[in-house]
Amino acid sequence: MRYIQRHSAFARGLHWIHTIACLSLFATGLILFIPSVAAAVGTATVQGARMVHRVMAVIFIVAPIASMIISPKGFVHLWKSLFFKWDADDKEFMKKFFPYLLFGAKQHMPPQKINKSGQGAVDGVLIFASVFIALTGVVLWWPEFFGGPTSGLFQWSLALHSGLMILIGIIMLAHIYLGAGIFQPYKGSGKLMFGNGRVTESDALYHWGHWAKDELKKGDNVIVE
């Protein structure tokens, strides 16, 4: 059987780190931003959650910045794979995407590049949301440098931080639904980031037809077992 190495060990490691950070931030954020939850868990737990939230926030911000420094070519490659001009296949994919979620086995989807058009759009929103949740988090962490807790900047940052947390949470749920293989056509795709990073030739051609054909032609990342 032939496989294509889709994700490197470095990319998978970064994904592990960011996944742990995101889940920890979301869990502790629920404690810190919802008064009823904070009251239910008690003061000691709230203090612990605040400490974990800050530690994970640093990891959430530093990890991608460090990856850009360590692997600048990888960052450029990622950027190009997310932000590209859509062709007819990309537009058709988006038109058929929601029917595909409901009737996956009956819906024929057009071939895609290394990232699907829908994934590129969602990841663009996620990057935008992540940047602003980090910036507003800085204001919430050190309010004394931004006019104090009663300042307009602090209040707007608090509202935006909470709203972005909800947005990222929704994206995470959708990502888990698809990435964990709960949606049948994506079954087994979790191993791409949490396993060896390899995808079978047939799955690669099914999900990312254009990319798979290019990789099979070049042969550099093709593994035969």
C-alpha atoms as a PDB file:
ATOM      1  CA  MET A   1       0.000   0.000   0.000  1.00  0.00           C
ATOM      2  CA  ARG A   2       1.175   3.529  -0.762  1.00  0.00           C
ATOM      3  CA  TYR A   3       1.003   6.423   1.678  1.00  0.00           C
ATOM      4  CA  ILE A   4       1.773  10.123   1.421  1.00  0.00           C
ATOM      5  CA  GLN A   5       3.485  11.889   4.312  1.00  0.00           C
ATOM      6  CA  ARG A   6       1.133  14.826   4.776  1.00  0.00           C
ATOM      7  CA  HIS A   7       2.416  16.307   8.039  1.00  0.00           C
ATOM      8  CA  SER A   8       5.954  16.394   9.432  1.00  0.00           C
ATOM      9  CA  ALA A   9       6.868  15.499  13.017  1.00  0.00           C
ATOM     10  CA  PHE A  10       7.460  19.205  13.691  1.00  0.00           C
ATOM     11  CA  ALA A  11       3.969  20.159  12.469  1.00  0.00           C
ATOM     12  CA  ARG A  12       2.363  17.357  14.472  1.00  0.00           C
ATOM     13  CA  GLY A  13       4.260  18.363  17.612  1.00  0.00           C
ATOM     14  CA  LEU A  14       3.151  21.980  17.233  1.00  0.00           C
ATOM     15  CA  HIS A  15      -0.421  20.823  16.732  1.00  0.00           C
ATOM     16  CA  TRP A  16      -0.239  18.756  19.935  1.00  0.00           C
ATOM     17  CA  ILE A  17       1.040  21.753  21.892  1.00  0.00           C
ATOM     18  CA  HIS A  18      -1.575  24.113  20.505  1.00  0.00           C
ATOM     19  CA  THR A  19      -4.380  21.600  21.011  1.00  0.00           C
ATOM     20  CA  ILE A  20      -3.514  21.177  24.683  1.00  0.00           C
ATOM     21  CA  ALA A  21      -3.205  24.951  25.103  1.00  0.00           C
ATOM     22  CA  CYS A  22      -6.540  25.647  23.368  1.00  0.00           C
ATOM     23  CA  LEU A  23      -8.488  23.033  25.322  1.00  0.00           C
ATOM     24  CA  SER A  24      -6.944  24.222  28.609  1.00  0.00           C
ATOM     25  CA  LEU A  25      -7.724  27.854  27.800  1.00  0.00           C
ATOM     26  CA  PHE A  26     -11.289  27.024  26.887  1.00  0.00           C
ATOM     27  CA  ALA A  27     -11.886  24.954  30.042  1.00  0.00           C
ATOM     28  CA  THR A  28     -10.337  27.504  32.400  1.00  0.00           C
ATOM     29  CA  GLY A  29     -12.001  30.355  30.499  1.00  0.00           C
ATOM     30  CA  LEU A  30     -15.413  28.877  31.266  1.00  0.00           C
ATOM     31  CA  ILE A  31     -14.538  29.005  34.967  1.00  0.00           C
ATOM     32  CA  LEU A  32     -13.171  32.544  34.818  1.00  0.00           C
ATOM     33  CA  PHE A  33     -15.797  34.163  32.597  1.00  0.00           C
ATOM     34  CA  ILE A  34     -19.008  32.508  33.796  1.00  0.00           C
ATOM     35  CA  PRO A  35     -19.847  33.627  37.365  1.00  0.00           C
ATOM     36  CA  SER A  36     -22.144  30.673  38.100  1.00  0.00           C
ATOM     37  CA  VAL A  37     -19.398  28.212  37.182  1.00  0.00           C
ATOM     38  CA  ALA A  38     -16.849  30.121  39.285  1.00  0.00           C
ATOM     39  CA  ALA A  39     -19.211  30.074  42.265  1.00  0.00           C
ATOM     40  CA  ALA A  40     -19.830  26.339  41.849  1.00  0.00           C
ATOM     41  CA  VAL A  41     -16.150  25.317  41.782  1.00  0.00           C
ATOM     42  CA  GLY A  42     -14.988  27.577  44.624  1.00  0.00           C
ATOM     43  CA  THR A  43     -12.319  30.220  45.149  1.00  0.00           C
ATOM     44  CA  ALA A  44      -9.328  27.862  45.227  1.00  0.00           C
ATOM     45  CA  THR A  45     -10.276  26.304  41.896  1.00  0.00           C
ATOM     46  CA  VAL A  46     -10.819  29.731  40.361  1.00  0.00           C
ATOM     47  CA  GLN A  47      -7.344  30.823  41.465  1.00  0.00           C
ATOM     48  CA  GLY A  48      -5.852  27.647  40.035  1.00  0.00           C
ATOM     49  CA  ALA A  49      -7.765  28.117  36.793  1.00  0.00           C
ATOM     50  CA  ARG A  50      -6.484  31.697  36.532  1.00  0.00           C
ATOM     51  CA  MET A  51      -2.879  30.503  36.864  1.00  0.00           C
ATOM     52  CA  VAL A  52      -3.347  27.691  34.315  1.00  0.00           C
ATOM     53  CA  HIS A  53      -5.094  30.113  31.951  1.00  0.00           C
ATOM     54  CA  ARG A  54      -2.149  32.499  32.023  1.00  0.00           C
ATOM     55  CA  VAL A  55       0.467  29.783  31.554  1.00  0.00           C
ATOM     56  CA  MET A  56      -1.429  28.288  28.633  1.00  0.00           C
ATOM     57  CA  ALA A  57      -1.995  31.751  27.152  1.00  0.00           C
ATOM     58  CA  VAL A  58       1.771  32.236  26.994  1.00  0.00           C
ATOM     59  CA  ILE A  59       2.167  28.845  25.293  1.00  0.00           C
ATOM     60  CA  PHE A  60      -0.699  29.668  22.913  1.00  0.00           C
ATOM     61  CA  ILE A  61       1.077  32.865  21.817  1.00  0.00           C
ATOM     62  CA  VAL A  62       4.714  31.735  21.929  1.00  0.00           C
ATOM     63  CA  ALA A  63       4.346  28.360  20.185  1.00  0.00           C
ATOM     64  CA  PRO A  64       3.369  29.673  16.707  1.00  0.00           C
ATOM     65  CA  ILE A  65       5.858  32.561  16.947  1.00  0.00           C
ATOM     66  CA  ALA A  66       8.646  30.126  17.851  1.00  0.00           C
ATOM     67  CA  SER A  67       7.637  27.858  14.964  1.00  0.00           C
ATOM     68  CA  MET A  68       7.934  30.774  12.531  1.00  0.00           C
ATOM     69  CA  ILE A  69      11.476  31.418  13.774  1.00  0.00           C
ATOM     70  CA  ILE A  70      12.496  27.752  13.787  1.00  0.00           C
ATOM     71  CA  SER A  71      10.905  26.908  10.432  1.00  0.00           C
ATOM     72  CA  PRO A  72      10.311  30.065   8.345  1.00  0.00           C
ATOM     73  CA  LYS A  73       9.902  28.022   5.148  1.00  0.00           C
ATOM     74  CA  GLY A  74       7.196  25.994   6.838  1.00  0.00           C
ATOM     75  CA  PHE A  75       5.397  29.199   7.831  1.00  0.00           C
ATOM     76  CA  VAL A  76       5.522  30.545   4.266  1.00  0.00           C
ATOM     77  CA  HIS A  77       4.239  27.202   2.980  1.00  0.00           C
ATOM     78  CA  LEU A  78       1.396  27.262   5.516  1.00  0.00           C
ATOM     79  CA  TRP A  79       0.479  30.840   4.616  1.00  0.00           C
ATOM     80  CA  LYS A  80       0.326  30.028   0.904  1.00  0.00           C
ATOM     81  CA  SER A  81      -1.757  26.910   1.575  1.00  0.00           C
ATOM     82  CA  LEU A  82      -4.340  28.934   3.514  1.00  0.00           C
ATOM     83  CA  PHE A  83      -4.594  32.084   1.445  1.00  0.00           C
ATOM     84  CA  PHE A  84      -4.851  31.359  -2.259  1.00  0.00           C
ATOM     85  CA  LYS A  85      -7.009  32.386  -5.182  1.00  0.00           C
ATOM     86  CA  TRP A  86      -9.993  30.086  -5.514  1.00  0.00           C
ATOM     87  CA  ASP A  87     -10.505  28.303  -8.822  1.00  0.00           C
ATOM     88  CA  ALA A  88     -13.666  26.642 -10.160  1.00  0.00           C
ATOM     89  CA  ASP A  89     -13.073  23.494  -8.067  1.00  0.00           C
ATOM     90  CA  ASP A  90     -12.743  25.530  -4.886  1.00  0.00           C
ATOM     91  CA  LYS A  91     -15.983  27.415  -5.542  1.00  0.00           C
ATOM     92  CA  GLU A  92     -17.838  24.221  -6.428  1.00  0.00           C
ATOM     93  CA  PHE A  93     -16.562  22.566  -3.243  1.00  0.00           C
ATOM     94  CA  MET A  94     -18.012  25.356  -1.110  1.00  0.00           C
ATOM     95  CA  LYS A  95     -21.360  25.213  -2.917  1.00  0.00           C
ATOM     96  CA  LYS A  96     -21.615  21.486  -2.227  1.00  0.00           C
ATOM     97  CA  PHE A  97     -20.109  21.475   1.270  1.00  0.00           C
ATOM     98  CA  PHE A  98     -23.269  21.579   3.402  1.00  0.00           C
ATOM     99  CA  PRO A  99     -25.106  18.954   1.291  1.00  0.00           C
ATOM    100  CA  TYR A 100     -21.897  16.924   1.593  1.00  0.00           C
ATOM    101  CA  LEU A 101     -22.138  17.043   5.404  1.00  0.00           C
ATOM    102  CA  LEU A 102     -25.680  15.675   5.227  1.00  0.00           C
ATOM    103  CA  PHE A 103     -25.283  13.212   2.362  1.00  0.00           C
ATOM    104  CA  GLY A 104     -21.547  12.525   2.214  1.00  0.00           C
ATOM    105  CA  ALA A 105     -21.796   9.170   0.461  1.00  0.00           C
ATOM    106  CA  LYS A 106     -24.000  10.549  -2.319  1.00  0.00           C
ATOM    107  CA  GLN A 107     -22.257  13.861  -2.950  1.00  0.00           C
ATOM    108  CA  HIS A 108     -19.365  13.939  -5.421  1.00  0.00           C
ATOM    109  CA  MET A 109     -16.842  16.612  -4.440  1.00  0.00           C
ATOM    110  CA  PRO A 110     -14.321  18.274  -6.776  1.00  0.00           C
ATOM    111  CA  PRO A 111     -10.568  17.689  -6.276  1.00  0.00           C
ATOM    112  CA  GLN A 112      -8.798  20.024  -3.864  1.00  0.00           C
ATOM    113  CA  LYS A 113      -5.336  21.435  -3.228  1.00  0.00           C
ATOM    114  CA  ILE A 114      -3.241  20.772  -0.097  1.00  0.00           C
ATOM    115  CA  ASN A 115      -5.933  22.606   1.875  1.00  0.00           C
ATOM    116  CA  LYS A 116      -9.579  22.602   0.918  1.00  0.00           C
ATOM    117  CA  SER A 117     -11.134  25.970   0.139  1.00  0.00           C
ATOM    118  CA  GLY A 118     -13.459  25.708   3.126  1.00  0.00           C
ATOM    119  CA  GLN A 119     -10.592  24.817   5.434  1.00  0.00           C
ATOM    120  CA  GLY A 120      -8.604  27.800   4.194  1.00  0.00           C
ATOM    121  CA  ALA A 121     -11.531  30.140   4.876  1.00  0.00           C
ATOM    122  CA  VAL A 122     -12.162  28.771   8.365  1.00  0.00           C
ATOM    123  CA  ASP A 123      -8.461  28.751   9.246  1.00  0.00           C
ATOM    124  CA  GLY A 124      -8.231  32.383   8.133  1.00  0.00           C
ATOM    125  CA  VAL A 125     -11.033  33.274  10.550  1.00  0.00           C
ATOM    126  CA  LEU A 126      -9.348  31.203  13.269  1.00  0.00           C
ATOM    127  CA  ILE A 127      -6.016  32.996  12.815  1.00  0.00           C
ATOM    128  CA  PHE A 128      -7.760  36.391  12.940  1.00  0.00           C
ATOM    129  CA  ALA A 129      -9.692  35.383  16.077  1.00  0.00           C
ATOM    130  CA  SER A 130      -6.564  33.954  17.743  1.00  0.00           C
ATOM    131  CA  VAL A 131      -4.582  37.147  17.186  1.00  0.00           C
ATOM    132  CA  PHE A 132      -7.289  39.335  18.689  1.00  0.00           C
ATOM    133  CA  ILE A 133      -8.049  37.003  21.585  1.00  0.00           C
ATOM    134  CA  ALA A 134      -4.324  37.170  22.423  1.00  0.00           C
ATOM    135  CA  LEU A 135      -4.251  40.992  22.196  1.00  0.00           C
ATOM    136  CA  THR A 136      -7.375  41.412  24.324  1.00  0.00           C
ATOM    137  CA  GLY A 137      -5.966  38.864  26.759  1.00  0.00           C
ATOM    138  CA  VAL A 138      -2.929  41.088  27.293  1.00  0.00           C
ATOM    139  CA  VAL A 139      -5.256  43.979  28.220  1.00  0.00           C
ATOM    140  CA  LEU A 140      -7.167  41.761  30.661  1.00  0.00           C
ATOM    141  CA  TRP A 141      -3.956  40.427  32.215  1.00  0.00           C
ATOM    142  CA  TRP A 142      -2.411  43.864  32.834  1.00  0.00           C
ATOM    143  CA  PRO A 143      -5.355  46.300  33.100  1.00  0.00           C
ATOM    144  CA  GLU A 144      -3.235  48.809  35.023  1.00  0.00           C
ATOM    145  CA  PHE A 145      -1.328  49.605  31.833  1.00  0.00           C
ATOM    146  CA  PHE A 146      -4.529  50.242  29.868  1.00  0.00           C
ATOM    147  CA  GLY A 147      -6.527  52.550  32.110  1.00  0.00           C
ATOM    148  CA  GLY A 148      -7.721  50.041  34.702  1.00  0.00           C
ATOM    149  CA  PRO A 149     -10.730  47.680  34.880  1.00  0.00           C
ATOM    150  CA  THR A 150     -13.189  50.563  34.484  1.00  0.00           C
ATOM    151  CA  SER A 151     -11.682  51.903  31.256  1.00  0.00           C
ATOM    152  CA  GLY A 152     -13.486  51.602  27.964  1.00  0.00           C
ATOM    153  CA  LEU A 153     -10.583  49.638  26.468  1.00  0.00           C
ATOM    154  CA  PHE A 154     -10.757  47.047  29.239  1.00  0.00           C
ATOM    155  CA  GLN A 155     -14.527  46.647  28.925  1.00  0.00           C
ATOM    156  CA  TRP A 156     -14.366  46.314  25.139  1.00  0.00           C
ATOM    157  CA  SER A 157     -11.488  43.842  25.472  1.00  0.00           C
ATOM    158  CA  LEU A 158     -13.488  41.770  27.960  1.00  0.00           C
ATOM    159  CA  ALA A 159     -16.499  41.635  25.644  1.00  0.00           C
ATOM    160  CA  LEU A 160     -14.394  40.858  22.568  1.00  0.00           C
ATOM    161  CA  HIS A 161     -12.352  38.236  24.426  1.00  0.00           C
ATOM    162  CA  SER A 162     -15.538  36.463  25.513  1.00  0.00           C
ATOM    163  CA  GLY A 163     -17.093  36.660  22.059  1.00  0.00           C
ATOM    164  CA  LEU A 164     -13.973  35.332  20.370  1.00  0.00           C
ATOM    165  CA  MET A 165     -13.828  32.476  22.872  1.00  0.00           C
ATOM    166  CA  ILE A 166     -17.312  31.425  21.744  1.00  0.00           C
ATOM    167  CA  LEU A 167     -16.326  31.716  18.065  1.00  0.00           C
ATOM    168  CA  ILE A 168     -13.164  29.640  18.545  1.00  0.00           C
ATOM    169  CA  GLY A 169     -15.167  27.118  20.581  1.00  0.00           C
ATOM    170  CA  ILE A 170     -17.613  26.648  17.701  1.00  0.00           C
ATOM    171  CA  ILE A 171     -14.735  26.208  15.237  1.00  0.00           C
ATOM    172  CA  MET A 172     -13.105  23.697  17.593  1.00  0.00           C
ATOM    173  CA  LEU A 173     -16.304  21.625  17.764  1.00  0.00           C
ATOM    174  CA  ALA A 174     -16.561  21.583  13.965  1.00  0.00           C
ATOM    175  CA  HIS A 175     -12.865  20.697  13.717  1.00  0.00           C
ATOM    176  CA  ILE A 176     -13.306  17.818  16.164  1.00  0.00           C
ATOM    177  CA  TYR A 177     -16.387  16.581  14.276  1.00  0.00           C
ATOM    178  CA  LEU A 178     -14.433  16.422  11.011  1.00  0.00           C
ATOM    179  CA  GLY A 179     -10.876  15.853  12.226  1.00  0.00           C
ATOM    180  CA  ALA A 180     -11.748  13.078  14.669  1.00  0.00           C
ATOM    181  CA  GLY A 181     -13.533  11.172  11.916  1.00  0.00           C
ATOM    182  CA  ILE A 182     -16.993  11.355  13.481  1.00  0.00           C
ATOM    183  CA  PHE A 183     -18.166  12.406  10.006  1.00  0.00           C
ATOM    184  CA  GLN A 184     -17.845   9.118   8.099  1.00  0.00           C
ATOM    185  CA  PRO A 185     -15.911  10.333   4.991  1.00  0.00           C
ATOM    186  CA  TYR A 186     -13.202  11.654   7.334  1.00  0.00           C
ATOM    187  CA  LYS A 187     -12.914   8.449   9.349  1.00  0.00           C
ATOM    188  CA  GLY A 188      -9.292   7.842  10.355  1.00  0.00           C
ATOM    189  CA  SER A 189      -8.161  11.383   9.578  1.00  0.00           C
ATOM    190  CA  GLY A 190      -7.261  11.996  13.228  1.00  0.00           C
ATOM    191  CA  LYS A 191      -4.000  10.096  12.707  1.00  0.00           C
ATOM    192  CA  LEU A 192      -2.804  12.817  10.331  1.00  0.00           C
ATOM    193  CA  MET A 193      -2.011  15.079  13.283  1.00  0.00           C
ATOM    194  CA  PHE A 194      -2.147  12.683  16.224  1.00  0.00           C
ATOM    195  CA  GLY A 195      -0.494   9.711  14.562  1.00  0.00           C
ATOM    196  CA  ASN A 196       2.256   9.284  11.992  1.00  0.00           C
ATOM    197  CA  GLY A 197       1.029  12.035   9.682  1.00  0.00           C
ATOM    198  CA  ARG A 198       0.502   9.657   6.752  1.00  0.00           C
ATOM    199  CA  VAL A 199      -2.548   9.347   4.530  1.00  0.00           C
ATOM    200  CA  THR A 200      -3.309   6.448   2.210  1.00  0.00           C
ATOM    201  CA  GLU A 201      -3.112   7.093  -1.509  1.00  0.00           C
ATOM    202  CA  SER A 202      -6.847   6.489  -1.946  1.00  0.00           C
ATOM    203  CA  ASP A 203      -7.837   8.847   0.886  1.00  0.00           C
ATOM    204  CA  ALA A 204      -5.417  11.500  -0.368  1.00  0.00           C
ATOM    205  CA  LEU A 205      -6.912  11.350  -3.862  1.00  0.00           C
ATOM    206  CA  TYR A 206     -10.432  11.471  -2.425  1.00  0.00           C
ATOM    207  CA  HIS A 207      -9.895  14.460  -0.130  1.00  0.00           C
ATOM    208  CA  TRP A 208      -7.117  16.454  -1.818  1.00  0.00           C
ATOM    209  CA  GLY A 209      -7.038  15.288  -5.423  1.00  0.00           C
ATOM    210  CA  HIS A 210      -4.827  18.020  -6.888  1.00  0.00           C
ATOM    211  CA  TRP A 211      -2.321  17.843  -4.025  1.00  0.00           C
ATOM    212  CA  ALA A 212      -2.229  14.032  -4.028  1.00  0.00           C
ATOM    213  CA  LYS A 213      -1.516  13.826  -7.760  1.00  0.00           C
ATOM    214  CA  ASP A 214       1.318  16.343  -7.399  1.00  0.00           C
ATOM    215  CA  GLU A 215       2.825  14.410  -4.488  1.00  0.00           C
ATOM    216  CA  LEU A 216       2.540  11.060  -6.263  1.00  0.00           C
ATOM    217  CA  LYS A 217       4.217  12.547  -9.318  1.00  0.00           C
ATOM    218  CA  LYS A 218       7.115  14.027  -7.325  1.00  0.00           C
ATOM    219  CA  GLY A 219       7.445  10.955  -5.100  1.00  0.00           C
ATOM    220  CA  ASP A 220       9.454  12.664  -2.333  1.00  0.00           C
ATOM    221  CA  ASN A 221       6.810  12.070   0.353  1.00  0.00           C
ATOM    222  CA  VAL A 222       5.477   8.771  -0.976  1.00  0.00           C
ATOM    223  CA  ILE A 223       5.935   5.747   1.302  1.00  0.00           C
ATOM    224  CA  VAL A 224       5.358   2.159   0.169  1.00  0.00           C
ATOM    225  CA  GLU A 225       4.607  -0.502   2.788  1.00  0.00           C
END
